[in-house]
Amino acid sequence: MLVVFGTPVAIVFIHRYFKFRDRELEMEKELHGRFTEKQRKSLEARVSSLETSAQAILQIVAHRPALEAAKMAAVAEAPPVKQEALPSPSPGRERT
């Protein structure tokens, strides 16, 4: 008797449960889609501002005269390193 009356109830419960889960997943998918769209727009805006600032820096550097650029390159180079001469052995003593 429990099987006869319990089976239809279980079928209805299972059907409604999965219908509820399906709605829940659809809402989550929609919410996640909106969130990623906002992230994408934000990232595009940041990249655009970085590109604009990089172009401005390149334009400033490109308009400098070559002589000034050469001076800047000379400043950027490391100074020459002086090597100390090794002391020569004294002429009176020889090592064997």
N, C-alpha and C. Protein backbone atom coordinates (compact mmCIF):
# COMPACT_ATOMS: atom_id res chain seq x y z
N MET A 1 0.83 -1.18 0.00
CA MET A 1 0.00 0.00 0.00
C MET A 1 0.88 1.26 0.00
N LEU A 2 1.99 1.22 0.76
CA LEU A 2 2.91 2.36 0.80
C LEU A 2 3.53 2.60 -0.58
N VAL A 3 3.85 1.56 -1.27
CA VAL A 3 4.44 1.67 -2.61
C VAL A 3 3.42 2.23 -3.58
N VAL A 4 2.19 1.81 -3.50
CA VAL A 4 1.14 2.26 -4.43
C VAL A 4 0.88 3.75 -4.26
N PHE A 5 0.79 4.24 -3.04
CA PHE A 5 0.50 5.65 -2.81
C PHE A 5 1.77 6.51 -2.72
N GLY A 6 2.88 5.92 -2.37
CA GLY A 6 4.12 6.66 -2.21
C GLY A 6 4.83 6.95 -3.53
N THR A 7 4.68 6.09 -4.51
CA THR A 7 5.36 6.26 -5.80
C THR A 7 4.89 7.54 -6.52
N PRO A 8 3.59 7.79 -6.67
CA PRO A 8 3.17 9.03 -7.34
C PRO A 8 3.65 10.29 -6.59
N VAL A 9 3.63 10.23 -5.27
CA VAL A 9 4.09 11.38 -4.48
C VAL A 9 5.57 11.61 -4.72
N ALA A 10 6.36 10.55 -4.75
CA ALA A 10 7.80 10.65 -5.00
C ALA A 10 8.06 11.20 -6.40
N ILE A 11 7.29 10.75 -7.37
CA ILE A 11 7.47 11.23 -8.75
C ILE A 11 7.18 12.73 -8.83
N VAL A 12 6.10 13.18 -8.22
CA VAL A 12 5.75 14.60 -8.23
C VAL A 12 6.83 15.40 -7.50
N PHE A 13 7.30 14.91 -6.35
CA PHE A 13 8.33 15.61 -5.59
C PHE A 13 9.61 15.74 -6.41
N ILE A 14 10.04 14.66 -7.04
CA ILE A 14 11.26 14.68 -7.85
C ILE A 14 11.12 15.65 -9.02
N HIS A 15 9.96 15.62 -9.67
CA HIS A 15 9.72 16.51 -10.81
C HIS A 15 9.81 17.98 -10.38
N ARG A 16 9.15 18.34 -9.29
CA ARG A 16 9.17 19.72 -8.83
C ARG A 16 10.54 20.15 -8.33
N TYR A 17 11.25 19.22 -7.68
CA TYR A 17 12.58 19.55 -7.19
C TYR A 17 13.52 19.91 -8.34
N PHE A 18 13.51 19.08 -9.39
CA PHE A 18 14.40 19.36 -10.52
C PHE A 18 13.95 20.57 -11.33
N LYS A 19 12.65 20.83 -11.35
CA LYS A 19 12.17 22.05 -12.00
C LYS A 19 12.67 23.28 -11.25
N PHE A 20 12.62 23.22 -9.91
CA PHE A 20 13.14 24.30 -9.07
C PHE A 20 14.64 24.50 -9.29
N ARG A 21 15.41 23.39 -9.32
CA ARG A 21 16.86 23.47 -9.55
C ARG A 21 17.17 24.07 -10.92
N ASP A 22 16.37 23.73 -11.91
CA ASP A 22 16.57 24.27 -13.26
C ASP A 22 16.37 25.79 -13.25
N ARG A 23 15.34 26.27 -12.59
CA ARG A 23 15.10 27.72 -12.49
C ARG A 23 16.26 28.40 -11.75
N GLU A 24 16.70 27.77 -10.68
CA GLU A 24 17.80 28.31 -9.90
C GLU A 24 19.08 28.44 -10.74
N LEU A 25 19.38 27.43 -11.52
CA LEU A 25 20.56 27.47 -12.39
C LEU A 25 20.43 28.52 -13.49
N GLU A 26 19.24 28.69 -14.03
CA GLU A 26 19.02 29.72 -15.05
C GLU A 26 19.25 31.12 -14.47
N MET A 27 18.76 31.35 -13.24
CA MET A 27 18.96 32.65 -12.61
C MET A 27 20.44 32.89 -12.33
N GLU A 28 21.14 31.86 -11.89
CA GLU A 28 22.57 31.99 -11.62
C GLU A 28 23.35 32.27 -12.91
N LYS A 29 22.95 31.60 -13.99
CA LYS A 29 23.59 31.82 -15.28
C LYS A 29 23.39 33.26 -15.74
N GLU A 30 22.19 33.78 -15.58
CA GLU A 30 21.90 35.16 -15.98
C GLU A 30 22.71 36.15 -15.14
N LEU A 31 22.75 35.91 -13.84
CA LEU A 31 23.50 36.79 -12.95
C LEU A 31 24.99 36.74 -13.28
N HIS A 32 25.52 35.56 -13.51
CA HIS A 32 26.93 35.41 -13.85
C HIS A 32 27.24 36.09 -15.19
N GLY A 33 26.32 35.99 -16.14
CA GLY A 33 26.50 36.64 -17.44
C GLY A 33 26.59 38.15 -17.31
N ARG A 34 25.75 38.71 -16.47
CA ARG A 34 25.78 40.16 -16.25
C ARG A 34 27.09 40.57 -15.58
N PHE A 35 27.52 39.76 -14.62
CA PHE A 35 28.75 40.08 -13.89
C PHE A 35 29.95 40.04 -14.83
N THR A 36 30.05 39.04 -15.68
CA THR A 36 31.19 38.96 -16.58
C THR A 36 31.13 40.07 -17.62
N GLU A 37 29.95 40.48 -18.01
CA GLU A 37 29.81 41.60 -18.96
C GLU A 37 30.35 42.88 -18.32
N LYS A 38 30.04 43.09 -17.05
CA LYS A 38 30.56 44.27 -16.34
C LYS A 38 32.07 44.19 -16.21
N GLN A 39 32.58 43.01 -15.91
CA GLN A 39 34.03 42.84 -15.79
C GLN A 39 34.71 43.12 -17.13
N ARG A 40 34.14 42.62 -18.21
CA ARG A 40 34.72 42.82 -19.54
C ARG A 40 34.75 44.30 -19.89
N LYS A 41 33.67 45.02 -19.62
CA LYS A 41 33.63 46.45 -19.92
C LYS A 41 34.65 47.22 -19.08
N SER A 42 34.76 46.84 -17.82
CA SER A 42 35.73 47.49 -16.94
C SER A 42 37.16 47.25 -17.42
N LEU A 43 37.43 46.02 -17.81
CA LEU A 43 38.77 45.69 -18.31
C LEU A 43 39.08 46.42 -19.61
N GLU A 44 38.11 46.52 -20.50
CA GLU A 44 38.32 47.26 -21.75
C GLU A 44 38.61 48.73 -21.47
N ALA A 45 37.92 49.32 -20.50
CA ALA A 45 38.16 50.72 -20.17
C ALA A 45 39.56 50.91 -19.61
N ARG A 46 40.01 49.98 -18.77
CA ARG A 46 41.36 50.08 -18.21
C ARG A 46 42.42 49.93 -19.29
N VAL A 47 42.24 48.99 -20.19
CA VAL A 47 43.20 48.78 -21.27
C VAL A 47 43.23 50.01 -22.17
N SER A 48 42.08 50.57 -22.45
CA SER A 48 42.01 51.77 -23.29
C SER A 48 42.78 52.93 -22.65
N SER A 49 42.62 53.13 -21.36
CA SER A 49 43.34 54.22 -20.70
C SER A 49 44.85 53.96 -20.68
N LEU A 50 45.25 52.70 -20.51
CA LEU A 50 46.68 52.37 -20.57
C LEU A 50 47.25 52.62 -21.96
N GLU A 51 46.51 52.25 -22.99
CA GLU A 51 46.97 52.49 -24.36
C GLU A 51 47.12 53.99 -24.63
N THR A 52 46.16 54.77 -24.16
CA THR A 52 46.22 56.22 -24.36
C THR A 52 47.44 56.82 -23.67
N SER A 53 47.70 56.39 -22.44
CA SER A 53 48.87 56.93 -21.73
C SER A 53 50.17 56.46 -22.37
N ALA A 54 50.22 55.24 -22.87
CA ALA A 54 51.44 54.76 -23.54
C ALA A 54 51.68 55.54 -24.83
N GLN A 55 50.62 55.84 -25.57
CA GLN A 55 50.78 56.63 -26.79
C GLN A 55 51.27 58.03 -26.47
N ALA A 56 50.77 58.63 -25.40
CA ALA A 56 51.21 59.97 -25.02
C ALA A 56 52.70 59.96 -24.66
N ILE A 57 53.14 58.94 -23.94
CA ILE A 57 54.55 58.85 -23.58
C ILE A 57 55.42 58.66 -24.82
N LEU A 58 54.96 57.83 -25.74
CA LEU A 58 55.73 57.61 -26.97
C LEU A 58 55.82 58.89 -27.80
N GLN A 59 54.77 59.68 -27.83
CA GLN A 59 54.80 60.92 -28.58
C GLN A 59 55.79 61.90 -27.95
N ILE A 60 55.85 61.94 -26.63
CA ILE A 60 56.80 62.83 -25.95
C ILE A 60 58.22 62.41 -26.26
N VAL A 61 58.48 61.12 -26.20
CA VAL A 61 59.84 60.62 -26.45
C VAL A 61 60.22 60.79 -27.92
N ALA A 62 59.29 60.62 -28.83
CA ALA A 62 59.58 60.71 -30.26
C ALA A 62 59.94 62.14 -30.68
N HIS A 63 59.44 63.15 -29.99
CA HIS A 63 59.69 64.53 -30.39
C HIS A 63 60.98 65.10 -29.82
N ARG A 64 61.68 64.37 -29.00
CA ARG A 64 62.95 64.88 -28.46
C ARG A 64 64.03 64.80 -29.53
N PRO A 65 64.94 65.76 -29.55
CA PRO A 65 66.02 65.72 -30.54
C PRO A 65 66.93 64.52 -30.29
N ALA A 66 67.63 64.12 -31.34
CA ALA A 66 68.51 62.95 -31.25
C ALA A 66 69.66 63.21 -30.28
N LEU A 67 70.16 64.43 -30.23
CA LEU A 67 71.28 64.75 -29.34
C LEU A 67 70.86 64.55 -27.88
N GLU A 68 69.68 65.02 -27.54
CA GLU A 68 69.20 64.87 -26.18
C GLU A 68 69.00 63.39 -25.84
N ALA A 69 68.55 62.63 -26.81
CA ALA A 69 68.38 61.19 -26.60
C ALA A 69 69.73 60.52 -26.39
N ALA A 70 70.77 60.98 -27.12
CA ALA A 70 72.10 60.41 -26.95
C ALA A 70 72.65 60.74 -25.57
N LYS A 71 72.39 61.95 -25.09
CA LYS A 71 72.83 62.33 -23.75
C LYS A 71 72.15 61.46 -22.70
N MET A 72 70.88 61.23 -22.89
CA MET A 72 70.16 60.40 -21.94
C MET A 72 70.68 58.97 -21.96
N ALA A 73 71.05 58.48 -23.14
CA ALA A 73 71.58 57.12 -23.23
C ALA A 73 72.94 57.03 -22.54
N ALA A 74 73.75 58.10 -22.66
CA ALA A 74 75.06 58.09 -22.02
C ALA A 74 74.91 58.10 -20.50
N VAL A 75 73.91 58.80 -20.01
CA VAL A 75 73.68 58.83 -18.58
C VAL A 75 73.21 57.46 -18.09
N ALA A 76 72.45 56.77 -18.91
CA ALA A 76 71.91 55.48 -18.52
C ALA A 76 72.97 54.39 -18.49
N GLU A 77 74.09 54.58 -19.24
CA GLU A 77 75.13 53.55 -19.26
C GLU A 77 75.88 53.55 -17.93
N ALA A 78 76.35 52.38 -17.55
CA ALA A 78 77.12 52.26 -16.31
C ALA A 78 78.52 52.83 -16.52
N PRO A 79 79.08 53.46 -15.51
CA PRO A 79 80.43 54.01 -15.66
C PRO A 79 81.45 52.87 -15.81
N PRO A 80 82.56 53.15 -16.51
CA PRO A 80 83.57 52.10 -16.69
C PRO A 80 84.18 51.71 -15.35
N VAL A 81 84.47 50.44 -15.21
CA VAL A 81 85.03 49.93 -13.97
C VAL A 81 86.54 49.86 -14.13
N LYS A 82 87.27 50.44 -13.17
CA LYS A 82 88.73 50.41 -13.21
C LYS A 82 89.19 49.11 -12.57
N GLN A 83 90.10 48.43 -13.27
CA GLN A 83 90.63 47.20 -12.71
C GLN A 83 91.97 47.51 -12.05
N GLU A 84 92.13 47.02 -10.86
CA GLU A 84 93.38 47.25 -10.15
C GLU A 84 94.43 46.26 -10.65
N ALA A 85 95.64 46.77 -10.82
CA ALA A 85 96.73 45.90 -11.27
C ALA A 85 97.16 45.00 -10.12
N LEU A 86 97.45 43.75 -10.44
CA LEU A 86 97.90 42.82 -9.42
C LEU A 86 99.34 43.16 -9.05
N PRO A 87 99.71 43.08 -7.80
CA PRO A 87 101.09 43.39 -7.42
C PRO A 87 102.04 42.35 -8.01
N SER A 88 103.13 42.84 -8.57
CA SER A 88 104.10 41.91 -9.16
C SER A 88 104.99 41.36 -8.05
N PRO A 89 105.44 40.14 -8.20
CA PRO A 89 106.31 39.57 -7.17
C PRO A 89 107.63 40.34 -7.11
N SER A 90 108.18 40.43 -5.94
CA SER A 90 109.44 41.20 -5.79
C SER A 90 110.56 40.47 -6.54
N PRO A 91 111.47 41.24 -7.16
CA PRO A 91 112.49 40.63 -8.01
C PRO A 91 113.50 39.78 -7.21
N GLY A 92 113.69 40.02 -5.96
CA GLY A 92 114.69 39.30 -5.19
C GLY A 92 114.20 37.93 -4.77
N ARG A 93 112.94 37.72 -4.71
CA ARG A 93 112.44 36.43 -4.23
C ARG A 93 111.69 35.72 -5.34
N GLU A 94 111.99 34.52 -5.54
CA GLU A 94 111.28 33.71 -6.52
C GLU A 94 110.69 32.51 -5.80
N ARG A 95 109.55 32.16 -6.20
CA ARG A 95 108.91 30.99 -5.60
C ARG A 95 109.13 29.77 -6.48
N THR A 96 109.40 28.68 -5.86
CA THR A 96 109.58 27.45 -6.63
C THR A 96 108.70 26.36 -6.13
